[in-house]
Amino acid sequence: MKNESDRITHFSYVFGFSLKSAKIAINFAALHHFKSFPGLPLIKKHTAMLTPPFDPSTPPQPSLTRWSPSATVAAIIERDGRFLLIEEHTPEGLRLNNPAGHLEPGESPLEACVREAREECAHAFQPTHLVGIYLSRFQRHDPSHPLHEDVTYLRFAFAGELLEHFPSQSLDHGIVRTVWLTSDEVLASAARHRSPLVVQCMQDHLRGQRLPLEAIHTDPSVWRSPL
């Protein structure tokens, strides 16, 4: 090809659009099959010219990464008409929640719930059934606060039996204490709940919502050693 214009025209013919007028980002890693293409340095040059200078007043563009919810587990523990909750420090102050936490790599939702109950309550926990699977969203938009969050949570809630207590074990970081509340007290304290699912899970449990533990299947690949 004789000149730069010819090379750009050739590229436009091959890929079906005008490079000079294109308003898209080209992933050059995806062009590794075209390493010998003589116009590749010119493509980089022209696409670099399409990138506008940084403007702090311009709203951030949506991420091209795939969105996914944050998977969590929760233990719904009832004994003699009272529910076990934990009181913990949060950026919004002291809040109440079920013993709950995030699913970690290499564990099933069931295993995660047993672990979280042990860490947050200093008790062994034996799940007997699945109460439900829930979706909720948490947003924190406070200009005076350094944290700006918009997180969707996918919660697996298990009910079961509280077993052995480990009095020498300290509670997980940030947890002040565990409390036993009646269903009326749980409802009355809703303004202090860390998640709106505290009430929903309790109500589903009280109306007898029961799903077998086998309703959640964990493929053996989850426990496979990393490559």
Protein backbone atom coordinates (compact mmCIF):
# COMPACT_ATOMS: atom_id res chain seq x y z
CA MET A 1 0.00 0.00 0.00
CA LYS A 2 1.43 3.30 -1.08
CA ASN A 3 0.46 5.65 1.72
CA GLU A 4 -1.34 6.07 5.00
CA SER A 5 -4.66 6.83 3.35
CA ASP A 6 -4.50 3.61 1.32
CA ARG A 7 -3.84 1.57 4.46
CA ILE A 8 -6.75 3.13 6.33
CA THR A 9 -9.02 2.57 3.33
CA HIS A 10 -7.92 -1.08 3.22
CA PHE A 11 -8.67 -1.49 6.94
CA SER A 12 -12.10 0.10 6.45
CA TYR A 13 -12.82 -2.32 3.62
CA VAL A 14 -11.78 -5.38 5.67
CA PHE A 15 -13.58 -4.48 8.86
CA GLY A 16 -16.57 -2.65 7.39
CA PHE A 17 -16.39 0.79 8.97
CA SER A 18 -14.52 4.05 8.60
CA LEU A 19 -11.70 4.23 11.11
CA LYS A 20 -11.48 8.01 10.97
CA SER A 21 -15.13 8.44 11.87
CA ALA A 22 -15.35 5.50 14.29
CA LYS A 23 -16.30 6.31 17.87
CA ILE A 24 -15.46 2.97 19.43
CA ALA A 25 -12.47 1.56 21.26
CA ILE A 26 -10.52 -1.15 19.46
CA ASN A 27 -9.19 -4.02 21.56
CA PHE A 28 -5.76 -4.56 20.04
CA ALA A 29 -5.32 -7.80 21.96
CA ALA A 30 -8.13 -9.17 19.81
CA LEU A 31 -6.15 -8.25 16.70
CA HIS A 32 -3.23 -10.55 17.49
CA HIS A 33 -4.03 -12.54 14.37
CA PHE A 34 -3.28 -9.41 12.33
CA LYS A 35 0.23 -8.83 13.65
CA SER A 36 1.55 -8.68 10.12
CA PHE A 37 -1.09 -6.19 9.02
CA PRO A 38 0.96 -3.17 7.80
CA GLY A 39 -1.65 -0.64 8.90
CA LEU A 40 -1.71 -1.69 12.59
CA PRO A 41 0.59 1.12 13.81
CA LEU A 42 -1.60 3.58 11.95
CA ILE A 43 -4.75 2.12 13.52
CA LYS A 44 -3.23 2.72 16.96
CA LYS A 45 -2.31 6.25 15.95
CA HIS A 46 -5.78 7.14 14.70
CA THR A 47 -7.67 5.52 17.57
CA ALA A 48 -5.46 7.39 20.03
CA MET A 49 -6.57 10.59 18.29
CA LEU A 50 -10.20 9.60 18.92
CA THR A 51 -9.68 9.51 22.70
CA PRO A 52 -10.84 12.84 24.18
CA PRO A 53 -8.81 14.53 26.92
CA PHE A 54 -9.85 13.74 30.49
CA ASP A 55 -12.61 16.00 31.74
CA PRO A 56 -13.37 15.69 35.48
CA SER A 57 -16.83 17.19 34.96
CA THR A 58 -17.84 14.38 32.58
CA PRO A 59 -19.90 11.64 34.28
CA PRO A 60 -18.14 8.25 34.32
CA GLN A 61 -19.13 5.93 31.50
CA PRO A 62 -20.70 2.54 32.29
CA SER A 63 -18.17 -0.21 32.83
CA LEU A 64 -17.74 -2.76 30.06
CA THR A 65 -17.22 -5.50 32.65
CA ARG A 66 -20.09 -7.89 33.27
CA TRP A 67 -22.30 -7.00 36.23
CA SER A 68 -22.80 -9.60 38.92
CA PRO A 69 -24.46 -9.57 42.36
CA SER A 70 -22.59 -10.17 45.60
CA ALA A 71 -23.43 -13.66 46.88
CA THR A 72 -24.14 -13.85 50.61
CA VAL A 73 -25.52 -16.34 53.13
CA ALA A 74 -27.58 -15.85 56.28
CA ALA A 75 -28.54 -18.05 59.23
CA ILE A 76 -32.15 -17.76 60.40
CA ILE A 77 -32.00 -19.03 63.96
CA GLU A 78 -35.10 -19.29 66.16
CA ARG A 79 -35.25 -20.67 69.67
CA ASP A 80 -38.28 -20.54 71.98
CA GLY A 81 -39.95 -17.87 69.88
CA ARG A 82 -36.91 -15.59 69.69
CA PHE A 83 -34.54 -14.91 66.82
CA LEU A 84 -30.78 -14.61 67.11
CA LEU A 85 -29.39 -11.42 65.56
CA ILE A 86 -26.01 -9.79 65.73
CA GLU A 87 -25.37 -6.12 66.49
CA GLU A 88 -22.44 -4.68 64.55
CA HIS A 89 -20.66 -1.47 63.69
CA THR A 90 -21.33 -0.08 60.20
CA PRO A 91 -20.69 3.31 58.54
CA GLU A 92 -24.33 4.10 59.42
CA GLY A 93 -23.80 3.24 63.09
CA LEU A 94 -24.80 0.17 65.08
CA ARG A 95 -27.03 -2.11 63.00
CA LEU A 96 -28.79 -5.43 63.47
CA ASN A 97 -28.54 -8.34 61.07
CA ASN A 98 -28.85 -12.07 60.87
CA PRO A 99 -25.56 -13.90 61.24
CA ALA A 100 -24.51 -13.42 57.62
CA GLY A 101 -21.62 -12.85 55.29
CA HIS A 102 -20.14 -13.35 51.86
CA LEU A 103 -19.67 -16.59 49.99
CA GLU A 104 -15.94 -17.23 49.65
CA PRO A 105 -14.02 -19.11 46.95
CA GLY A 106 -13.98 -22.87 47.35
CA GLU A 107 -17.09 -23.28 49.48
CA SER A 108 -20.76 -24.07 48.95
CA PRO A 109 -23.52 -21.76 50.24
CA LEU A 110 -24.22 -24.32 52.97
CA GLU A 111 -20.59 -24.38 54.09
CA ALA A 112 -20.44 -20.58 54.01
CA CYS A 113 -23.48 -20.30 56.27
CA VAL A 114 -22.01 -22.72 58.83
CA ARG A 115 -18.73 -20.75 58.80
CA GLU A 116 -20.38 -17.34 59.13
CA ALA A 117 -22.57 -18.47 62.04
CA ARG A 118 -19.50 -19.80 63.84
CA GLU A 119 -17.52 -16.58 63.21
CA GLU A 120 -20.28 -14.16 64.17
CA CYS A 121 -22.03 -16.05 66.98
CA ALA A 122 -19.31 -18.32 68.38
CA HIS A 123 -21.72 -21.24 67.96
CA ALA A 124 -21.81 -24.29 65.78
CA PHE A 125 -24.76 -24.17 63.39
CA GLN A 126 -26.47 -27.05 61.63
CA PRO A 127 -28.67 -25.95 58.70
CA THR A 128 -31.80 -28.07 58.30
CA HIS A 129 -33.46 -26.37 55.33
CA LEU A 130 -33.32 -23.48 52.91
CA VAL A 131 -35.74 -20.66 53.74
CA GLY A 132 -35.29 -18.87 50.42
CA ILE A 133 -33.09 -17.06 47.94
CA TYR A 134 -33.39 -13.29 47.98
CA LEU A 135 -32.24 -10.26 46.01
CA SER A 136 -31.78 -6.81 47.52
CA ARG A 137 -29.90 -3.63 46.69
CA PHE A 138 -27.91 -1.32 48.93
CA GLN A 139 -26.96 2.22 47.90
CA ARG A 140 -24.89 4.75 49.81
CA HIS A 141 -24.62 8.18 48.18
CA ASP A 142 -23.26 10.55 50.78
CA PRO A 143 -21.02 13.33 49.39
CA SER A 144 -19.49 13.79 52.83
CA HIS A 145 -18.56 10.12 53.09
CA PRO A 146 -15.62 8.55 51.22
CA LEU A 147 -17.60 5.39 50.44
CA HIS A 148 -20.03 5.44 47.52
CA GLU A 149 -21.64 2.06 47.11
CA ASP A 150 -24.27 0.50 44.89
CA VAL A 151 -24.33 -3.23 45.59
CA THR A 152 -26.93 -5.88 44.76
CA TYR A 153 -26.91 -8.82 47.15
CA LEU A 154 -28.01 -12.37 46.35
CA ARG A 155 -28.77 -13.99 49.70
CA PHE A 156 -29.13 -17.69 50.49
CA ALA A 157 -30.96 -17.95 53.82
CA PHE A 158 -30.79 -21.17 55.82
CA ALA A 159 -32.66 -22.09 58.98
CA GLY A 160 -31.33 -24.66 61.40
CA GLU A 161 -30.22 -25.56 64.89
CA LEU A 162 -27.76 -23.70 67.07
CA LEU A 163 -25.40 -26.20 68.64
CA GLU A 164 -22.21 -26.04 70.69
CA HIS A 165 -21.12 -22.69 72.12
CA PHE A 166 -17.44 -21.68 72.05
CA PRO A 167 -17.16 -19.13 74.88
CA SER A 168 -13.43 -18.54 74.39
CA GLN A 169 -13.91 -17.50 70.76
CA SER A 170 -14.11 -13.79 70.07
CA LEU A 171 -16.83 -12.56 67.72
CA ASP A 172 -15.98 -11.46 64.20
CA HIS A 173 -14.51 -7.99 63.62
CA GLY A 174 -17.05 -5.22 64.14
CA ILE A 175 -19.63 -7.32 65.97
CA VAL A 176 -20.55 -5.95 69.39
CA ARG A 177 -22.84 -8.69 70.67
CA THR A 178 -25.56 -11.20 69.84
CA VAL A 179 -29.17 -10.57 70.86
CA TRP A 180 -32.33 -12.69 71.05
CA LEU A 181 -35.46 -10.82 69.91
CA THR A 182 -39.09 -11.79 69.56
CA SER A 183 -40.70 -11.39 66.15
CA ASP A 184 -42.42 -8.21 67.39
CA GLU A 185 -39.10 -6.81 68.57
CA VAL A 186 -37.50 -7.64 65.22
CA LEU A 187 -40.27 -5.74 63.44
CA ALA A 188 -40.02 -2.81 65.85
CA SER A 189 -36.28 -2.51 65.23
CA ALA A 190 -36.55 -2.49 61.41
CA ALA A 191 -35.08 1.02 61.16
CA ARG A 192 -31.85 -0.37 62.60
CA HIS A 193 -31.59 -3.39 60.34
CA ARG A 194 -28.59 -3.61 58.07
CA SER A 195 -30.69 -5.37 55.43
CA PRO A 196 -34.41 -5.28 54.60
CA LEU A 197 -34.16 -9.05 54.27
CA VAL A 198 -33.96 -9.54 58.05
CA VAL A 199 -37.72 -9.09 58.30
CA GLN A 200 -38.52 -10.89 55.05
CA CYS A 201 -36.53 -13.98 56.01
CA MET A 202 -38.10 -14.07 59.47
CA GLN A 203 -41.61 -13.81 58.05
CA ASP A 204 -40.96 -16.52 55.47
CA HIS A 205 -39.61 -18.76 58.23
CA LEU A 206 -42.62 -18.10 60.48
CA ARG A 207 -45.10 -18.99 57.76
CA GLY A 208 -43.38 -22.32 57.28
CA GLN A 209 -41.47 -21.75 54.08
CA ARG A 210 -39.18 -24.77 53.81
CA LEU A 211 -37.04 -25.90 50.90
CA PRO A 212 -34.76 -28.95 51.01
CA LEU A 213 -31.03 -28.33 51.26
CA GLU A 214 -30.69 -30.35 48.06
CA ALA A 215 -32.44 -27.52 46.22
CA ILE A 216 -29.00 -25.91 45.96
CA HIS A 217 -26.52 -27.99 44.03
CA THR A 218 -22.81 -27.21 44.25
CA ASP A 219 -20.76 -28.72 41.46
CA PRO A 220 -17.51 -30.45 42.52
CA SER A 221 -15.58 -27.97 40.39
CA VAL A 222 -16.10 -25.42 43.18
CA TRP A 223 -13.67 -27.34 45.40
CA ARG A 224 -11.15 -27.89 42.64
CA SER A 225 -7.66 -26.55 43.32
CA PRO A 226 -6.84 -23.35 41.43
CA LEU A 227 -4.80 -23.73 38.26
